[in-house]
């Protein structure tokens, strides 16, 4: 099986190179140093994009928007010094790490995405929504979040997806029991 390709996008060249070096033992890691370079590099062979949010040529938000508009549906994680705010609710990212990031954090993140890659769509959505909620809850005041409609909608979506997962699990258990009941 080919090694997954990780694209590290950061205008701080030394940092991008460091992250790529950390990941190169297990993955095909490529570093690029700006948003335009990222857009030129991303194709179907890129499994995960680690994207800085604040870059001079194009912001990470702009790169993300263009990637999604161009049909890229791979994993995208913001790895940035910008603390997340409520705008995270609108970003189509799978996770959000705030710098400084350690080698173990980065490797753990990529490993968890590889595991999640085996999930069905419902489980993936559950994980993504749960990650966003956890990131916001770590960074923002609970009262502020409770008053935010978008946050409440995300909490509601997490419950809905959780219910879907529970129903899928129950159906799978029933099929399993029926399979062995016939013997």
C-alpha atoms as a PDB file:
ATOM      1  CA  UNK A   1       0.000   0.000   0.000  1.00  0.00           C
ATOM      2  CA  UNK A   2       1.470   3.404  -0.917  1.00  0.00           C
ATOM      3  CA  UNK A   3       2.446   5.787   1.840  1.00  0.00           C
ATOM      4  CA  UNK A   4      -0.090   8.593   2.339  1.00  0.00           C
ATOM      5  CA  UNK A   5       0.937  12.011   1.072  1.00  0.00           C
ATOM      6  CA  UNK A   6       0.876  14.922   3.486  1.00  0.00           C
ATOM      7  CA  UNK A   7       1.144  18.484   2.171  1.00  0.00           C
ATOM      8  CA  UNK A   8       2.474  20.979   4.711  1.00  0.00           C
ATOM      9  CA  UNK A   9       1.580  24.573   3.798  1.00  0.00           C
ATOM     10  CA  UNK A  10       3.230  27.363   5.788  1.00  0.00           C
ATOM     11  CA  UNK A  11       4.928  30.608   4.783  1.00  0.00           C
ATOM     12  CA  UNK A  12       7.516  30.015   7.526  1.00  0.00           C
ATOM     13  CA  UNK A  13       9.805  27.798   5.449  1.00  0.00           C
ATOM     14  CA  UNK A  14      11.790  26.404   8.368  1.00  0.00           C
ATOM     15  CA  UNK A  15       8.619  25.408  10.177  1.00  0.00           C
ATOM     16  CA  UNK A  16       7.072  23.804   7.088  1.00  0.00           C
ATOM     17  CA  UNK A  17      10.299  21.880   6.508  1.00  0.00           C
ATOM     18  CA  UNK A  18      10.408  20.810  10.164  1.00  0.00           C
ATOM     19  CA  UNK A  19       6.850  19.464  10.062  1.00  0.00           C
ATOM     20  CA  UNK A  20       7.576  17.645   6.807  1.00  0.00           C
ATOM     21  CA  UNK A  21      10.737  16.141   8.308  1.00  0.00           C
ATOM     22  CA  UNK A  22       8.803  14.926  11.351  1.00  0.00           C
ATOM     23  CA  UNK A  23       6.288  13.184   9.112  1.00  0.00           C
ATOM     24  CA  UNK A  24       8.719  11.887   6.474  1.00  0.00           C
ATOM     25  CA  UNK A  25       9.564   8.713   8.402  1.00  0.00           C
ATOM     26  CA  UNK A  26       6.052   7.309   7.921  1.00  0.00           C
ATOM     27  CA  UNK A  27       4.586   9.366   5.092  1.00  0.00           C
ATOM     28  CA  UNK A  28       5.397  11.074   1.854  1.00  0.00           C
ATOM     29  CA  UNK A  29       5.613  14.631   3.216  1.00  0.00           C
ATOM     30  CA  UNK A  30       5.889  17.665   0.955  1.00  0.00           C
ATOM     31  CA  UNK A  31       6.375  21.244   2.171  1.00  0.00           C
ATOM     32  CA  UNK A  32       5.282  24.334   0.247  1.00  0.00           C
ATOM     33  CA  UNK A  33       5.618  27.898   1.415  1.00  0.00           C
ATOM     34  CA  UNK A  34       2.434  29.713   0.545  1.00  0.00           C
ATOM     35  CA  UNK A  35      -1.149  29.512  -0.571  1.00  0.00           C
ATOM     36  CA  UNK A  36      -0.499  29.764  -4.304  1.00  0.00           C
ATOM     37  CA  UNK A  37       2.061  26.960  -4.090  1.00  0.00           C
ATOM     38  CA  UNK A  38      -0.476  24.851  -2.214  1.00  0.00           C
ATOM     39  CA  UNK A  39      -3.106  25.324  -4.903  1.00  0.00           C
ATOM     40  CA  UNK A  40      -0.568  24.368  -7.577  1.00  0.00           C
ATOM     41  CA  UNK A  41       0.483  21.247  -5.644  1.00  0.00           C
ATOM     42  CA  UNK A  42      -2.789  19.765  -4.373  1.00  0.00           C
ATOM     43  CA  UNK A  43      -4.205  16.985  -6.496  1.00  0.00           C
ATOM     44  CA  UNK A  44      -5.865  13.634  -5.874  1.00  0.00           C
ATOM     45  CA  UNK A  45      -2.585  12.156  -4.621  1.00  0.00           C
ATOM     46  CA  UNK A  46      -2.580  14.445  -1.553  1.00  0.00           C
ATOM     47  CA  UNK A  47      -4.300  12.708   1.357  1.00  0.00           C
ATOM     48  CA  UNK A  48      -3.917  15.374   4.054  1.00  0.00           C
ATOM     49  CA  UNK A  49      -3.263  19.129   3.890  1.00  0.00           C
ATOM     50  CA  UNK A  50      -1.813  20.803   6.980  1.00  0.00           C
ATOM     51  CA  UNK A  51      -2.603  24.455   6.349  1.00  0.00           C
ATOM     52  CA  UNK A  52      -1.363  27.610   8.052  1.00  0.00           C
ATOM     53  CA  UNK A  53      -4.060  30.212   8.374  1.00  0.00           C
ATOM     54  CA  UNK A  54      -2.055  33.432   8.143  1.00  0.00           C
ATOM     55  CA  UNK A  55       0.091  33.679   5.002  1.00  0.00           C
ATOM     56  CA  UNK A  56       0.954  36.737   2.917  1.00  0.00           C
ATOM     57  CA  UNK A  57      -0.061  35.624  -0.588  1.00  0.00           C
ATOM     58  CA  UNK A  58      -3.325  33.828   0.215  1.00  0.00           C
ATOM     59  CA  UNK A  59      -4.730  33.159   3.655  1.00  0.00           C
ATOM     60  CA  UNK A  60      -5.373  29.602   4.729  1.00  0.00           C
ATOM     61  CA  UNK A  61      -9.096  30.385   4.657  1.00  0.00           C
ATOM     62  CA  UNK A  62      -8.817  31.464   1.003  1.00  0.00           C
ATOM     63  CA  UNK A  63      -6.794  28.369   0.112  1.00  0.00           C
ATOM     64  CA  UNK A  64      -9.339  26.163   1.855  1.00  0.00           C
ATOM     65  CA  UNK A  65     -12.234  27.815   0.050  1.00  0.00           C
ATOM     66  CA  UNK A  66     -10.559  27.395  -3.341  1.00  0.00           C
ATOM     67  CA  UNK A  67      -9.577  23.782  -2.647  1.00  0.00           C
ATOM     68  CA  UNK A  68     -13.152  22.891  -1.758  1.00  0.00           C
ATOM     69  CA  UNK A  69     -14.521  24.843  -4.748  1.00  0.00           C
ATOM     70  CA  UNK A  70     -12.142  22.859  -6.986  1.00  0.00           C
ATOM     71  CA  UNK A  71     -13.541  19.609  -5.576  1.00  0.00           C
ATOM     72  CA  UNK A  72     -10.754  18.595  -3.184  1.00  0.00           C
ATOM     73  CA  UNK A  73     -12.416  16.484  -0.506  1.00  0.00           C
ATOM     74  CA  UNK A  74      -9.343  15.243   1.338  1.00  0.00           C
ATOM     75  CA  UNK A  75      -8.494  15.934   4.946  1.00  0.00           C
ATOM     76  CA  UNK A  76      -7.614  19.553   5.743  1.00  0.00           C
ATOM     77  CA  UNK A  77      -6.318  20.605   9.145  1.00  0.00           C
ATOM     78  CA  UNK A  78      -5.509  24.162  10.156  1.00  0.00           C
ATOM     79  CA  UNK A  79      -2.140  24.245  11.942  1.00  0.00           C
ATOM     80  CA  UNK A  80      -1.781  27.865  12.884  1.00  0.00           C
ATOM     81  CA  UNK A  81      -0.898  30.456  15.505  1.00  0.00           C
ATOM     82  CA  UNK A  82      -4.377  31.978  15.099  1.00  0.00           C
ATOM     83  CA  UNK A  83      -6.599  31.018  18.020  1.00  0.00           C
ATOM     84  CA  UNK A  84      -9.883  29.640  16.760  1.00  0.00           C
ATOM     85  CA  UNK A  85     -12.961  31.770  17.063  1.00  0.00           C
ATOM     86  CA  UNK A  86     -16.564  31.318  16.112  1.00  0.00           C
ATOM     87  CA  UNK A  87     -15.493  31.491  12.469  1.00  0.00           C
ATOM     88  CA  UNK A  88     -14.314  27.892  12.943  1.00  0.00           C
ATOM     89  CA  UNK A  89     -17.983  26.927  12.664  1.00  0.00           C
ATOM     90  CA  UNK A  90     -17.912  28.017   9.019  1.00  0.00           C
ATOM     91  CA  UNK A  91     -14.590  26.398   8.041  1.00  0.00           C
ATOM     92  CA  UNK A  92     -14.720  23.079   6.192  1.00  0.00           C
ATOM     93  CA  UNK A  93     -11.780  21.615   8.119  1.00  0.00           C
ATOM     94  CA  UNK A  94     -11.422  18.322   9.904  1.00  0.00           C
ATOM     95  CA  UNK A  95      -9.372  19.579  12.827  1.00  0.00           C
ATOM     96  CA  UNK A  96      -7.607  22.668  14.153  1.00  0.00           C
ATOM     97  CA  UNK A  97      -4.247  22.782  15.949  1.00  0.00           C
ATOM     98  CA  UNK A  98      -2.875  25.940  17.495  1.00  0.00           C
ATOM     99  CA  UNK A  99       0.897  26.483  17.310  1.00  0.00           C
ATOM    100  CA  UNK A 100       3.254  25.676  18.785  1.00  0.00           C
ATOM    101  CA  UNK A 101       2.712  22.069  17.781  1.00  0.00           C
ATOM    102  CA  UNK A 102       4.932  19.252  18.997  1.00  0.00           C
ATOM    103  CA  UNK A 103       6.145  16.356  16.925  1.00  0.00           C
ATOM    104  CA  UNK A 104       4.000  13.925  18.905  1.00  0.00           C
ATOM    105  CA  UNK A 105       0.878  16.096  18.426  1.00  0.00           C
ATOM    106  CA  UNK A 106       1.426  16.241  14.688  1.00  0.00           C
ATOM    107  CA  UNK A 107       2.120  12.533  14.312  1.00  0.00           C
ATOM    108  CA  UNK A 108      -0.893  11.661  16.509  1.00  0.00           C
ATOM    109  CA  UNK A 109      -3.118  13.912  14.426  1.00  0.00           C
ATOM    110  CA  UNK A 110      -2.055  12.328  11.146  1.00  0.00           C
ATOM    111  CA  UNK A 111      -2.423   8.829  12.586  1.00  0.00           C
ATOM    112  CA  UNK A 112      -5.928   9.622  13.824  1.00  0.00           C
ATOM    113  CA  UNK A 113      -6.892  10.896  10.358  1.00  0.00           C
ATOM    114  CA  UNK A 114      -5.621   7.674   8.806  1.00  0.00           C
ATOM    115  CA  UNK A 115      -7.846   5.699  11.176  1.00  0.00           C
ATOM    116  CA  UNK A 116     -10.807   8.001  10.496  1.00  0.00           C
ATOM    117  CA  UNK A 117     -10.246   7.482   6.771  1.00  0.00           C
ATOM    118  CA  UNK A 118     -11.676   3.992   7.279  1.00  0.00           C
ATOM    119  CA  UNK A 119     -14.870   5.389   8.812  1.00  0.00           C
ATOM    120  CA  UNK A 120     -18.091   5.666   6.890  1.00  0.00           C
ATOM    121  CA  UNK A 121     -19.475   9.129   6.166  1.00  0.00           C
ATOM    122  CA  UNK A 122     -21.657   9.252   9.287  1.00  0.00           C
ATOM    123  CA  UNK A 123     -18.794   8.379  11.629  1.00  0.00           C
ATOM    124  CA  UNK A 124     -16.477  10.855   9.881  1.00  0.00           C
ATOM    125  CA  UNK A 125     -19.026  13.644  10.254  1.00  0.00           C
ATOM    126  CA  UNK A 126     -19.498  12.787  13.918  1.00  0.00           C
ATOM    127  CA  UNK A 127     -15.752  13.035  14.536  1.00  0.00           C
ATOM    128  CA  UNK A 128     -15.439  16.318  12.619  1.00  0.00           C
ATOM    129  CA  UNK A 129     -18.334  17.973  14.452  1.00  0.00           C
ATOM    130  CA  UNK A 130     -17.071  16.713  17.819  1.00  0.00           C
ATOM    131  CA  UNK A 131     -13.573  18.088  17.058  1.00  0.00           C
ATOM    132  CA  UNK A 132     -14.957  21.527  16.190  1.00  0.00           C
ATOM    133  CA  UNK A 133     -17.058  21.655  19.340  1.00  0.00           C
ATOM    134  CA  UNK A 134     -14.130  20.550  21.522  1.00  0.00           C
ATOM    135  CA  UNK A 135     -11.804  23.129  19.960  1.00  0.00           C
ATOM    136  CA  UNK A 136     -14.309  25.928  20.506  1.00  0.00           C
ATOM    137  CA  UNK A 137     -15.060  24.817  24.055  1.00  0.00           C
ATOM    138  CA  UNK A 138     -11.327  24.826  24.848  1.00  0.00           C
ATOM    139  CA  UNK A 139     -10.834  28.315  23.453  1.00  0.00           C
ATOM    140  CA  UNK A 140     -14.004  30.317  24.085  1.00  0.00           C
ATOM    141  CA  UNK A 141     -16.218  31.270  27.006  1.00  0.00           C
ATOM    142  CA  UNK A 142     -19.104  28.856  27.609  1.00  0.00           C
ATOM    143  CA  UNK A 143     -21.645  31.693  27.957  1.00  0.00           C
ATOM    144  CA  UNK A 144     -20.597  33.200  24.630  1.00  0.00           C
ATOM    145  CA  UNK A 145     -20.908  29.821  22.931  1.00  0.00           C
ATOM    146  CA  UNK A 146     -24.303  29.117  24.469  1.00  0.00           C
ATOM    147  CA  UNK A 147     -25.656  32.332  22.933  1.00  0.00           C
ATOM    148  CA  UNK A 148     -24.371  31.543  19.448  1.00  0.00           C
ATOM    149  CA  UNK A 149     -26.926  30.099  17.040  1.00  0.00           C
ATOM    150  CA  UNK A 150     -24.305  28.422  14.853  1.00  0.00           C
ATOM    151  CA  UNK A 151     -22.787  26.708  17.890  1.00  0.00           C
ATOM    152  CA  UNK A 152     -26.206  25.489  19.007  1.00  0.00           C
ATOM    153  CA  UNK A 153     -26.856  24.151  15.495  1.00  0.00           C
ATOM    154  CA  UNK A 154     -23.539  22.302  15.604  1.00  0.00           C
ATOM    155  CA  UNK A 155     -24.444  20.779  18.979  1.00  0.00           C
ATOM    156  CA  UNK A 156     -27.784  19.723  17.532  1.00  0.00           C
ATOM    157  CA  UNK A 157     -26.060  18.191  14.499  1.00  0.00           C
ATOM    158  CA  UNK A 158     -23.742  16.228  16.784  1.00  0.00           C
ATOM    159  CA  UNK A 159     -26.773  14.756  18.574  1.00  0.00           C
ATOM    160  CA  UNK A 160     -28.430  13.900  15.231  1.00  0.00           C
ATOM    161  CA  UNK A 161     -25.328  12.198  13.886  1.00  0.00           C
ATOM    162  CA  UNK A 162     -24.871  10.400  17.201  1.00  0.00           C
ATOM    163  CA  UNK A 163     -28.428   9.090  16.900  1.00  0.00           C
ATOM    164  CA  UNK A 164     -27.703   7.935  13.331  1.00  0.00           C
ATOM    165  CA  UNK A 165     -24.591   6.105  14.541  1.00  0.00           C
ATOM    166  CA  UNK A 166     -26.549   4.445  17.349  1.00  0.00           C
ATOM    167  CA  UNK A 167     -29.218   3.305  14.880  1.00  0.00           C
ATOM    168  CA  UNK A 168     -26.572   1.952  12.486  1.00  0.00           C
ATOM    169  CA  UNK A 169     -24.861   0.107  15.340  1.00  0.00           C
ATOM    170  CA  UNK A 170     -28.137  -1.393  16.549  1.00  0.00           C
ATOM    171  CA  UNK A 171     -29.000  -2.539  13.012  1.00  0.00           C
ATOM    172  CA  UNK A 172     -25.555  -4.106  12.589  1.00  0.00           C
ATOM    173  CA  UNK A 173     -25.879  -5.912  15.929  1.00  0.00           C
ATOM    174  CA  UNK A 174     -29.300  -7.202  14.938  1.00  0.00           C
ATOM    175  CA  UNK A 175     -27.962  -8.500  11.604  1.00  0.00           C
ATOM    176  CA  UNK A 176     -25.112 -10.206  13.454  1.00  0.00           C
ATOM    177  CA  UNK A 177     -27.473 -11.808  15.971  1.00  0.00           C
ATOM    178  CA  UNK A 178     -29.813 -12.957  13.201  1.00  0.00           C
ATOM    179  CA  UNK A 179     -26.904 -14.456  11.289  1.00  0.00           C
ATOM    180  CA  UNK A 180     -25.925 -16.638  14.237  1.00  0.00           C
ATOM    181  CA  UNK A 181     -29.530 -17.348  15.280  1.00  0.00           C
ATOM    182  CA  UNK A 182     -30.065 -19.136  11.948  1.00  0.00           C
ATOM    183  CA  UNK A 183     -27.312 -21.660  12.738  1.00  0.00           C
END
